Amino acid sequence: MKVFDLLTDGEDDLVVRGGDLEIGESTEQHQRHILISEKGWWRGSPLVGVGLRSMLLDDAPGAVVSAEIQEQMELDGMTISQLALSTDGQLYLLASYKDENG
């Protein structure tokens, strides 16, 4: 299922084109925000966030990082097709939102 939202750029600033806020498919943007967010950053949902930077700086085991990513994406309504974290810190994530029918 495709999800649409206000789009942000690489610096998380809103994208403005022709004086209007741009709306577009936002699944990857949501994933990025969940990955970088620490728990407590989202006032309305204080348990959302992987805190990926903190986990990697703390040398969290890959299995712990992967489990947290999977849990957070599923809590947001996504199904993970592929998830891999290499020993050199590269993350490969393929996930999409479930459609309303399952």
PDB file of N, CA and C in Angstrom:
ATOM      1  N   MET A   1       0.846  -1.170   0.000  1.00  0.00           N
ATOM      2  CA  MET A   1       0.000   0.000   0.000  1.00  0.00           C
ATOM      3  C   MET A   1       0.897   1.240   0.000  1.00  0.00           C
ATOM      4  N   LYS A   2       0.559   2.179  -0.829  1.00  0.00           N
ATOM      5  CA  LYS A   2       1.313   3.423  -0.866  1.00  0.00           C
ATOM      6  C   LYS A   2       0.756   4.383   0.189  1.00  0.00           C
ATOM      7  N   VAL A   3       1.673   5.122   0.821  1.00  0.00           N
ATOM      8  CA  VAL A   3       1.316   6.074   1.861  1.00  0.00           C
ATOM      9  C   VAL A   3       1.786   7.451   1.406  1.00  0.00           C
ATOM     10  N   PHE A   4       0.938   8.443   1.555  1.00  0.00           N
ATOM     11  CA  PHE A   4       1.270   9.801   1.126  1.00  0.00           C
ATOM     12  C   PHE A   4       1.282  10.742   2.318  1.00  0.00           C
ATOM     13  N   ASP A   5       2.240  11.673   2.303  1.00  0.00           N
ATOM     14  CA  ASP A   5       2.413  12.616   3.404  1.00  0.00           C
ATOM     15  C   ASP A   5       3.164  13.829   2.869  1.00  0.00           C
ATOM     16  N   LEU A   6       3.315  14.845   3.716  1.00  0.00           N
ATOM     17  CA  LEU A   6       4.176  15.960   3.363  1.00  0.00           C
ATOM     18  C   LEU A   6       5.594  15.427   3.244  1.00  0.00           C
ATOM     19  N   LEU A   7       6.323  15.862   2.224  1.00  0.00           N
ATOM     20  CA  LEU A   7       7.675  15.366   1.999  1.00  0.00           C
ATOM     21  C   LEU A   7       8.704  16.281   2.638  1.00  0.00           C
ATOM     22  N   THR A   8       9.799  15.658   3.086  1.00  0.00           N
ATOM     23  CA  THR A   8      10.929  16.406   3.614  1.00  0.00           C
ATOM     24  C   THR A   8      12.160  16.063   2.793  1.00  0.00           C
ATOM     25  N   ASP A   9      13.155  16.955   2.852  1.00  0.00           N
ATOM     26  CA  ASP A   9      14.398  16.704   2.130  1.00  0.00           C
ATOM     27  C   ASP A   9      15.370  15.957   3.040  1.00  0.00           C
ATOM     28  N   GLY A  10      16.604  15.810   2.605  1.00  0.00           N
ATOM     29  CA  GLY A  10      17.616  15.092   3.368  1.00  0.00           C
ATOM     30  C   GLY A  10      17.949  15.716   4.706  1.00  0.00           C
ATOM     31  N   GLU A  11      17.607  16.983   4.872  1.00  0.00           N
ATOM     32  CA  GLU A  11      17.848  17.683   6.136  1.00  0.00           C
ATOM     33  C   GLU A  11      16.583  17.738   6.991  1.00  0.00           C
ATOM     34  N   ASP A  12      15.553  17.015   6.571  1.00  0.00           N
ATOM     35  CA  ASP A  12      14.243  16.973   7.235  1.00  0.00           C
ATOM     36  C   ASP A  12      13.513  18.318   7.234  1.00  0.00           C
ATOM     37  N   ASP A  13      13.834  19.155   6.243  1.00  0.00           N
ATOM     38  CA  ASP A  13      13.066  20.374   6.017  1.00  0.00           C
ATOM     39  C   ASP A  13      11.937  20.050   5.053  1.00  0.00           C
ATOM     40  N   LEU A  14      10.790  20.708   5.234  1.00  0.00           N
ATOM     41  CA  LEU A  14       9.674  20.494   4.317  1.00  0.00           C
ATOM     42  C   LEU A  14      10.065  20.890   2.903  1.00  0.00           C
ATOM     43  N   VAL A  15       9.623  20.115   1.931  1.00  0.00           N
ATOM     44  CA  VAL A  15       9.891  20.403   0.528  1.00  0.00           C
ATOM     45  C   VAL A  15       8.808  21.360   0.029  1.00  0.00           C
ATOM     46  N   VAL A  16       9.246  22.491  -0.526  1.00  0.00           N
ATOM     47  CA  VAL A  16       8.330  23.485  -1.069  1.00  0.00           C
ATOM     48  C   VAL A  16       8.631  23.640  -2.553  1.00  0.00           C
ATOM     49  N   ARG A  17       7.608  23.493  -3.385  1.00  0.00           N
ATOM     50  CA  ARG A  17       7.752  23.668  -4.838  1.00  0.00           C
ATOM     51  C   ARG A  17       6.659  24.620  -5.306  1.00  0.00           C
ATOM     52  N   GLY A  18       7.080  25.672  -5.969  1.00  0.00           N
ATOM     53  CA  GLY A  18       6.120  26.642  -6.478  1.00  0.00           C
ATOM     54  C   GLY A  18       5.294  27.287  -5.380  1.00  0.00           C
ATOM     55  N   GLY A  19       5.869  27.411  -4.199  1.00  0.00           N
ATOM     56  CA  GLY A  19       5.169  28.032  -3.083  1.00  0.00           C
ATOM     57  C   GLY A  19       4.242  27.104  -2.312  1.00  0.00           C
ATOM     58  N   ASP A  20       4.180  25.840  -2.701  1.00  0.00           N
ATOM     59  CA  ASP A  20       3.302  24.878  -2.028  1.00  0.00           C
ATOM     60  C   ASP A  20       4.117  23.761  -1.383  1.00  0.00           C
ATOM     61  N   LEU A  21       3.614  23.260  -0.255  1.00  0.00           N
ATOM     62  CA  LEU A  21       4.225  22.088   0.358  1.00  0.00           C
ATOM     63  C   LEU A  21       3.981  20.904  -0.550  1.00  0.00           C
ATOM     64  N   GLU A  22       5.016  20.089  -0.731  1.00  0.00           N
ATOM     65  CA  GLU A  22       4.893  18.945  -1.634  1.00  0.00           C
ATOM     66  C   GLU A  22       4.414  17.712  -0.868  1.00  0.00           C
ATOM     67  N   ILE A  23       3.464  17.031  -1.462  1.00  0.00           N
ATOM     68  CA  ILE A  23       2.931  15.784  -0.923  1.00  0.00           C
ATOM     69  C   ILE A  23       3.339  14.678  -1.878  1.00  0.00           C
ATOM     70  N   GLY A  24       3.739  13.539  -1.315  1.00  0.00           N
ATOM     71  CA  GLY A  24       4.131  12.425  -2.169  1.00  0.00           C
ATOM     72  C   GLY A  24       4.222  11.136  -1.386  1.00  0.00           C
ATOM     73  N   GLU A  25       4.590  10.061  -2.081  1.00  0.00           N
ATOM     74  CA  GLU A  25       4.730   8.751  -1.447  1.00  0.00           C
ATOM     75  C   GLU A  25       5.823   8.853  -0.391  1.00  0.00           C
ATOM     76  N   SER A  26       5.525   8.417   0.824  1.00  0.00           N
ATOM     77  CA  SER A  26       6.406   8.723   1.949  1.00  0.00           C
ATOM     78  C   SER A  26       6.854   7.525   2.773  1.00  0.00           C
ATOM     79  N   THR A  27       6.729   6.319   2.258  1.00  0.00           N
ATOM     80  CA  THR A  27       7.106   5.141   3.039  1.00  0.00           C
ATOM     81  C   THR A  27       8.568   5.195   3.471  1.00  0.00           C
ATOM     82  N   GLU A  28       9.482   5.457   2.543  1.00  0.00           N
ATOM     83  CA  GLU A  28      10.908   5.510   2.892  1.00  0.00           C
ATOM     84  C   GLU A  28      11.193   6.639   3.882  1.00  0.00           C
ATOM     85  N   GLN A  29      10.502   7.744   3.755  1.00  0.00           N
ATOM     86  CA  GLN A  29      10.665   8.862   4.676  1.00  0.00           C
ATOM     87  C   GLN A  29      10.232   8.437   6.083  1.00  0.00           C
ATOM     88  N   HIS A  30       9.112   7.739   6.196  1.00  0.00           N
ATOM     89  CA  HIS A  30       8.652   7.258   7.501  1.00  0.00           C
ATOM     90  C   HIS A  30       9.660   6.281   8.093  1.00  0.00           C
ATOM     91  N   GLN A  31      10.197   5.407   7.259  1.00  0.00           N
ATOM     92  CA  GLN A  31      11.194   4.450   7.742  1.00  0.00           C
ATOM     93  C   GLN A  31      12.416   5.178   8.289  1.00  0.00           C
ATOM     94  N   ARG A  32      12.880   6.161   7.537  1.00  0.00           N
ATOM     95  CA  ARG A  32      14.060   6.932   7.977  1.00  0.00           C
ATOM     96  C   ARG A  32      13.796   7.623   9.304  1.00  0.00           C
ATOM     97  N   HIS A  33      12.622   8.226   9.432  1.00  0.00           N
ATOM     98  CA  HIS A  33      12.297   8.919  10.673  1.00  0.00           C
ATOM     99  C   HIS A  33      12.224   7.949  11.856  1.00  0.00           C
ATOM    100  N   ILE A  34      11.663   6.776  11.649  1.00  0.00           N
ATOM    101  CA  ILE A  34      11.599   5.776  12.713  1.00  0.00           C
ATOM    102  C   ILE A  34      12.998   5.302  13.084  1.00  0.00           C
ATOM    103  N   LEU A  35      13.848   5.087  12.088  1.00  0.00           N
ATOM    104  CA  LEU A  35      15.204   4.601  12.349  1.00  0.00           C
ATOM    105  C   LEU A  35      16.030   5.602  13.146  1.00  0.00           C
ATOM    106  N   ILE A  36      15.950   6.881  12.812  1.00  0.00           N
ATOM    107  CA  ILE A  36      16.806   7.862  13.483  1.00  0.00           C
ATOM    108  C   ILE A  36      16.216   8.376  14.791  1.00  0.00           C
ATOM    109  N   SER A  37      14.905   8.278  14.961  1.00  0.00           N
ATOM    110  CA  SER A  37      14.255   8.797  16.165  1.00  0.00           C
ATOM    111  C   SER A  37      14.616   7.989  17.394  1.00  0.00           C
ATOM    112  N   GLU A  38      14.815   8.708  18.479  1.00  0.00           N
ATOM    113  CA  GLU A  38      14.984   8.075  19.785  1.00  0.00           C
ATOM    114  C   GLU A  38      13.607   7.984  20.439  1.00  0.00           C
ATOM    115  N   LYS A  39      13.416   6.995  21.272  1.00  0.00           N
ATOM    116  CA  LYS A  39      12.160   6.912  22.016  1.00  0.00           C
ATOM    117  C   LYS A  39      11.985   8.203  22.813  1.00  0.00           C
ATOM    118  N   GLY A  40      10.789   8.742  22.786  1.00  0.00           N
ATOM    119  CA  GLY A  40      10.500   9.987  23.484  1.00  0.00           C
ATOM    120  C   GLY A  40      10.516  11.222  22.595  1.00  0.00           C
ATOM    121  N   TRP A  41      11.036  11.108  21.376  1.00  0.00           N
ATOM    122  CA  TRP A  41      11.086  12.263  20.474  1.00  0.00           C
ATOM    123  C   TRP A  41       9.704  12.646  19.970  1.00  0.00           C
ATOM    124  N   TRP A  42       8.807  11.682  19.814  1.00  0.00           N
ATOM    125  CA  TRP A  42       7.477  11.942  19.281  1.00  0.00           C
ATOM    126  C   TRP A  42       6.509  12.048  20.458  1.00  0.00           C
ATOM    127  N   ARG A  43       6.091  13.245  20.749  1.00  0.00           N
ATOM    128  CA  ARG A  43       5.259  13.508  21.923  1.00  0.00           C
ATOM    129  C   ARG A  43       4.009  12.635  21.967  1.00  0.00           C
ATOM    130  N   GLY A  44       3.328  12.479  20.850  1.00  0.00           N
ATOM    131  CA  GLY A  44       2.104  11.698  20.804  1.00  0.00           C
ATOM    132  C   GLY A  44       2.336  10.197  20.819  1.00  0.00           C
ATOM    133  N   SER A  45       3.557   9.755  20.543  1.00  0.00           N
ATOM    134  CA  SER A  45       3.895   8.324  20.503  1.00  0.00           C
ATOM    135  C   SER A  45       5.287   8.132  21.091  1.00  0.00           C
ATOM    136  N   PRO A  46       5.420   8.228  22.409  1.00  0.00           N
ATOM    137  CA  PRO A  46       6.753   8.229  23.024  1.00  0.00           C
ATOM    138  C   PRO A  46       7.540   6.928  22.904  1.00  0.00           C
ATOM    139  N   LEU A  47       6.905   5.836  22.497  1.00  0.00           N
ATOM    140  CA  LEU A  47       7.622   4.566  22.362  1.00  0.00           C
ATOM    141  C   LEU A  47       8.116   4.317  20.945  1.00  0.00           C
ATOM    142  N   VAL A  48       7.873   5.272  20.026  1.00  0.00           N
ATOM    143  CA  VAL A  48       8.311   5.128  18.639  1.00  0.00           C
ATOM    144  C   VAL A  48       9.766   5.554  18.517  1.00  0.00           C
ATOM    145  N   GLY A  49      10.534   4.765  17.792  1.00  0.00           N
ATOM    146  CA  GLY A  49      11.913   5.125  17.492  1.00  0.00           C
ATOM    147  C   GLY A  49      12.880   4.006  17.776  1.00  0.00           C
ATOM    148  N   VAL A  50      13.768   3.779  16.819  1.00  0.00           N
ATOM    149  CA  VAL A  50      14.814   2.768  16.975  1.00  0.00           C
ATOM    150  C   VAL A  50      16.018   3.368  17.687  1.00  0.00           C
ATOM    151  N   GLY A  51      16.322   4.638  17.407  1.00  0.00           N
ATOM    152  CA  GLY A  51      17.528   5.241  17.968  1.00  0.00           C
ATOM    153  C   GLY A  51      18.765   4.583  17.381  1.00  0.00           C
ATOM    154  N   LEU A  52      18.754   4.403  16.059  1.00  0.00           N
ATOM    155  CA  LEU A  52      19.803   3.646  15.372  1.00  0.00           C
ATOM    156  C   LEU A  52      21.196   4.208  15.649  1.00  0.00           C
ATOM    157  N   ARG A  53      21.337   5.499  15.624  1.00  0.00           N
ATOM    158  CA  ARG A  53      22.661   6.098  15.855  1.00  0.00           C
ATOM    159  C   ARG A  53      23.188   5.726  17.240  1.00  0.00           C
ATOM    160  N   SER A  54      22.337   5.853  18.246  1.00  0.00           N
ATOM    161  CA  SER A  54      22.751   5.510  19.606  1.00  0.00           C
ATOM    162  C   SER A  54      23.106   4.035  19.720  1.00  0.00           C
ATOM    163  N   MET A  55      22.291   3.187  19.088  1.00  0.00           N
ATOM    164  CA  MET A  55      22.556   1.751  19.164  1.00  0.00           C
ATOM    165  C   MET A  55      23.901   1.406  18.529  1.00  0.00           C
ATOM    166  N   LEU A  56      24.191   2.022  17.384  1.00  0.00           N
ATOM    167  CA  LEU A  56      25.456   1.733  16.706  1.00  0.00           C
ATOM    168  C   LEU A  56      26.644   2.309  17.473  1.00  0.00           C
ATOM    169  N   LEU A  57      26.476   3.492  18.043  1.00  0.00           N
ATOM    170  CA  LEU A  57      27.559   4.084  18.837  1.00  0.00           C
ATOM    171  C   LEU A  57      27.817   3.286  20.112  1.00  0.00           C
ATOM    172  N   ASP A  58      26.776   2.640  20.629  1.00  0.00           N
ATOM    173  CA  ASP A  58      26.912   1.810  21.828  1.00  0.00           C
ATOM    174  C   ASP A  58      27.360   0.388  21.492  1.00  0.00           C
ATOM    175  N   ASP A  59      27.646   0.126  20.218  1.00  0.00           N
ATOM    176  CA  ASP A  59      28.056  -1.204  19.770  1.00  0.00           C
ATOM    177  C   ASP A  59      27.044  -2.285  20.121  1.00  0.00           C
ATOM    178  N   ALA A  60      25.764  -1.960  19.950  1.00  0.00           N
ATOM    179  CA  ALA A  60      24.712  -2.950  20.194  1.00  0.00           C
ATOM    180  C   ALA A  60      24.890  -4.111  19.215  1.00  0.00           C
ATOM    181  N   PRO A  61      24.672  -5.339  19.681  1.00  0.00           N
ATOM    182  CA  PRO A  61      24.784  -6.483  18.771  1.00  0.00           C
ATOM    183  C   PRO A  61      23.806  -6.368  17.603  1.00  0.00           C
ATOM    184  N   GLY A  62      24.226  -6.846  16.443  1.00  0.00           N
ATOM    185  CA  GLY A  62      23.399  -6.759  15.243  1.00  0.00           C
ATOM    186  C   GLY A  62      22.023  -7.372  15.426  1.00  0.00           C
ATOM    187  N   ALA A  63      21.942  -8.474  16.174  1.00  0.00           N
ATOM    188  CA  ALA A  63      20.647  -9.129  16.394  1.00  0.00           C
ATOM    189  C   ALA A  63      19.702  -8.228  17.179  1.00  0.00           C
ATOM    190  N   VAL A  64      20.244  -7.470  18.123  1.00  0.00           N
ATOM    191  CA  VAL A  64      19.425  -6.546  18.919  1.00  0.00           C
ATOM    192  C   VAL A  64      18.936  -5.400  18.038  1.00  0.00           C
ATOM    193  N   VAL A  65      19.831  -4.870  17.213  1.00  0.00           N
ATOM    194  CA  VAL A  65      19.462  -3.778  16.304  1.00  0.00           C
ATOM    195  C   VAL A  65      18.387  -4.254  15.333  1.00  0.00           C
ATOM    196  N   SER A  66      18.590  -5.407  14.728  1.00  0.00           N
ATOM    197  CA  SER A  66      17.620  -5.950  13.773  1.00  0.00           C
ATOM    198  C   SER A  66      16.268  -6.190  14.423  1.00  0.00           C
ATOM    199  N   ALA A  67      16.261  -6.733  15.631  1.00  0.00           N
ATOM    200  CA  ALA A  67      15.002  -7.001  16.331  1.00  0.00           C
ATOM    201  C   ALA A  67      14.252  -5.703  16.627  1.00  0.00           C
ATOM    202  N   GLU A  68      14.978  -4.670  17.016  1.00  0.00           N
ATOM    203  CA  GLU A  68      14.337  -3.386  17.309  1.00  0.00           C
ATOM    204  C   GLU A  68      13.773  -2.758  16.041  1.00  0.00           C
ATOM    205  N   ILE A  69      14.512  -2.833  14.948  1.00  0.00           N
ATOM    206  CA  ILE A  69      14.022  -2.304  13.670  1.00  0.00           C
ATOM    207  C   ILE A  69      12.758  -3.045  13.260  1.00  0.00           C
ATOM    208  N   GLN A  70      12.785  -4.371  13.339  1.00  0.00           N
ATOM    209  CA  GLN A  70      11.609  -5.154  12.953  1.00  0.00           C
ATOM    210  C   GLN A  70      10.407  -4.804  13.819  1.00  0.00           C
ATOM    211  N   GLU A  71      10.602  -4.709  15.118  1.00  0.00           N
ATOM    212  CA  GLU A  71       9.495  -4.377  16.022  1.00  0.00           C
ATOM    213  C   GLU A  71       8.900  -3.005  15.702  1.00  0.00           C
ATOM    214  N   GLN A  72       9.758  -2.011  15.502  1.00  0.00           N
ATOM    215  CA  GLN A  72       9.283  -0.653  15.254  1.00  0.00           C
ATOM    216  C   GLN A  72       8.549  -0.540  13.918  1.00  0.00           C
ATOM    217  N   MET A  73       9.061  -1.192  12.886  1.00  0.00           N
ATOM    218  CA  MET A  73       8.396  -1.131  11.588  1.00  0.00           C
ATOM    219  C   MET A  73       7.037  -1.826  11.653  1.00  0.00           C
ATOM    220  N   GLU A  74       6.967  -2.958  12.321  1.00  0.00           N
ATOM    221  CA  GLU A  74       5.696  -3.674  12.451  1.00  0.00           C
ATOM    222  C   GLU A  74       4.697  -2.880  13.279  1.00  0.00           C
ATOM    223  N   LEU A  75       5.161  -2.204  14.330  1.00  0.00           N
ATOM    224  CA  LEU A  75       4.267  -1.364  15.132  1.00  0.00           C
ATOM    225  C   LEU A  75       3.694  -0.213  14.313  1.00  0.00           C
ATOM    226  N   ASP A  76       4.434   0.228  13.303  1.00  0.00           N
ATOM    227  CA  ASP A  76       3.955   1.309  12.439  1.00  0.00           C
ATOM    228  C   ASP A  76       3.070   0.786  11.312  1.00  0.00           C
ATOM    229  N   GLY A  77       2.876  -0.539  11.248  1.00  0.00           N
ATOM    230  CA  GLY A  77       1.981  -1.109  10.248  1.00  0.00           C
ATOM    231  C   GLY A  77       2.663  -1.631   9.002  1.00  0.00           C
ATOM    232  N   MET A  78       3.971  -1.805   9.054  1.00  0.00           N
ATOM    233  CA  MET A  78       4.709  -2.290   7.889  1.00  0.00           C
ATOM    234  C   MET A  78       4.979  -3.791   7.992  1.00  0.00           C
ATOM    235  N   THR A  79       5.134  -4.388   6.836  1.00  0.00           N
ATOM    236  CA  THR A  79       5.580  -5.767   6.729  1.00  0.00           C
ATOM    237  C   THR A  79       6.986  -5.731   6.154  1.00  0.00           C
ATOM    238  N   ILE A  80       7.920  -6.416   6.800  1.00  0.00           N
ATOM    239  CA  ILE A  80       9.306  -6.427   6.351  1.00  0.00           C
ATOM    240  C   ILE A  80       9.520  -7.613   5.420  1.00  0.00           C
ATOM    241  N   SER A  81       9.994  -7.314   4.214  1.00  0.00           N
ATOM    242  CA  SER A  81      10.345  -8.361   3.248  1.00  0.00           C
ATOM    243  C   SER A  81      11.787  -8.800   3.425  1.00  0.00           C
ATOM    244  N   GLN A  82      12.672  -7.819   3.650  1.00  0.00           N
ATOM    245  CA  GLN A  82      14.092  -8.105   3.840  1.00  0.00           C
ATOM    246  C   GLN A  82      14.677  -7.125   4.839  1.00  0.00           C
ATOM    247  N   LEU A  83      15.533  -7.643   5.702  1.00  0.00           N
ATOM    248  CA  LEU A  83      16.234  -6.820   6.675  1.00  0.00           C
ATOM    249  C   LEU A  83      17.604  -7.432   6.895  1.00  0.00           C
ATOM    250  N   ALA A  84      18.641  -6.662   6.638  1.00  0.00           N
ATOM    251  CA  ALA A  84      20.000  -7.143   6.832  1.00  0.00           C
ATOM    252  C   ALA A  84      20.876  -6.004   7.329  1.00  0.00           C
ATOM    253  N   LEU A  85      21.712  -6.305   8.283  1.00  0.00           N
ATOM    254  CA  LEU A  85      22.674  -5.350   8.821  1.00  0.00           C
ATOM    255  C   LEU A  85      24.048  -5.988   8.688  1.00  0.00           C
ATOM    256  N   SER A  86      24.888  -5.390   7.833  1.00  0.00           N
ATOM    257  CA  SER A  86      26.207  -5.988   7.587  1.00  0.00           C
ATOM    258  C   SER A  86      27.170  -5.653   8.721  1.00  0.00           C
ATOM    259  N   THR A  87      28.280  -6.353   8.758  1.00  0.00           N
ATOM    260  CA  THR A  87      29.276  -6.125   9.802  1.00  0.00           C
ATOM    261  C   THR A  87      29.924  -4.748   9.707  1.00  0.00           C
ATOM    262  N   ASP A  88      29.865  -4.129   8.523  1.00  0.00           N
ATOM    263  CA  ASP A  88      30.432  -2.786   8.383  1.00  0.00           C
ATOM    264  C   ASP A  88      29.379  -1.693   8.590  1.00  0.00           C
ATOM    265  N   GLY A  89      28.200  -2.058   9.104  1.00  0.00           N
ATOM    266  CA  GLY A  89      27.187  -1.074   9.476  1.00  0.00           C
ATOM    267  C   GLY A  89      26.204  -0.691   8.394  1.00  0.00           C
ATOM    268  N   GLN A  90      26.244  -1.353   7.251  1.00  0.00           N
ATOM    269  CA  GLN A  90      25.292  -1.058   6.183  1.00  0.00           C
ATOM    270  C   GLN A  90      23.951  -1.727   6.491  1.00  0.00           C
ATOM    271  N   LEU A  91      22.884  -0.956   6.347  1.00  0.00           N
ATOM    272  CA  LEU A  91      21.539  -1.471   6.606  1.00  0.00           C
ATOM    273  C   LEU A  91      20.802  -1.625   5.288  1.00  0.00           C
ATOM    274  N   TYR A  92      20.180  -2.783   5.103  1.00  0.00           N
ATOM    275  CA  TYR A  92      19.322  -3.000   3.947  1.00  0.00           C
ATOM    276  C   TYR A  92      17.943  -3.344   4.489  1.00  0.00           C
ATOM    277  N   LEU A  93      16.969  -2.506   4.163  1.00  0.00           N
ATOM    278  CA  LEU A  93      15.616  -2.688   4.653  1.00  0.00           C
ATOM    279  C   LEU A  93      14.649  -2.567   3.496  1.00  0.00           C
ATOM    280  N   LEU A  94      13.814  -3.572   3.335  1.00  0.00           N
ATOM    281  CA  LEU A  94      12.753  -3.548   2.351  1.00  0.00           C
ATOM    282  C   LEU A  94      11.468  -3.850   3.108  1.00  0.00           C
ATOM    283  N   ALA A  95      10.648  -2.827   3.251  1.00  0.00           N
ATOM    284  CA  ALA A  95       9.398  -2.968   4.015  1.00  0.00           C
ATOM    285  C   ALA A  95       8.340  -2.091   3.366  1.00  0.00           C
ATOM    286  N   SER A  96       7.100  -2.499   3.519  1.00  0.00           N
ATOM    287  CA  SER A  96       5.996  -1.706   2.982  1.00  0.00           C
ATOM    288  C   SER A  96       4.811  -1.789   3.933  1.00  0.00           C
ATOM    289  N   TYR A  97       3.944  -0.813   3.802  1.00  0.00           N
ATOM    290  CA  TYR A  97       2.750  -0.801   4.645  1.00  0.00           C
ATOM    291  C   TYR A  97       1.781  -1.866   4.179  1.00  0.00           C
ATOM    292  N   LYS A  98       1.165  -2.513   5.144  1.00  0.00           N
ATOM    293  CA  LYS A  98       0.147  -3.524   4.839  1.00  0.00           C
ATOM    294  C   LYS A  98      -1.058  -2.810   4.253  1.00  0.00           C
ATOM    295  N   ASP A  99      -1.698  -3.460   3.331  1.00  0.00           N
ATOM    296  CA  ASP A  99      -2.911  -2.853   2.801  1.00  0.00           C
ATOM    297  C   ASP A  99      -4.042  -3.113   3.801  1.00  0.00           C
ATOM    298  N   GLU A 100      -5.083  -2.318   3.729  1.00  0.00           N
ATOM    299  CA  GLU A 100      -6.157  -2.370   4.731  1.00  0.00           C
ATOM    300  C   GLU A 100      -6.790  -3.738   4.860  1.00  0.00           C
ATOM    301  N   ASN A 101      -6.688  -4.570   3.839  1.00  0.00           N
ATOM    302  CA  ASN A 101      -7.299  -5.893   3.878  1.00  0.00           C
ATOM    303  C   ASN A 101      -6.371  -6.967   4.432  1.00  0.00           C
ATOM    304  N   GLY A 102      -5.228  -6.562   4.947  1.00  0.00           N
ATOM    305  CA  GLY A 102      -4.319  -7.549   5.517  1.00  0.00           C
ATOM    306  C   GLY A 102      -3.024  -7.470   4.872  1.00  0.00           C
TER     307      GLY A 102
END
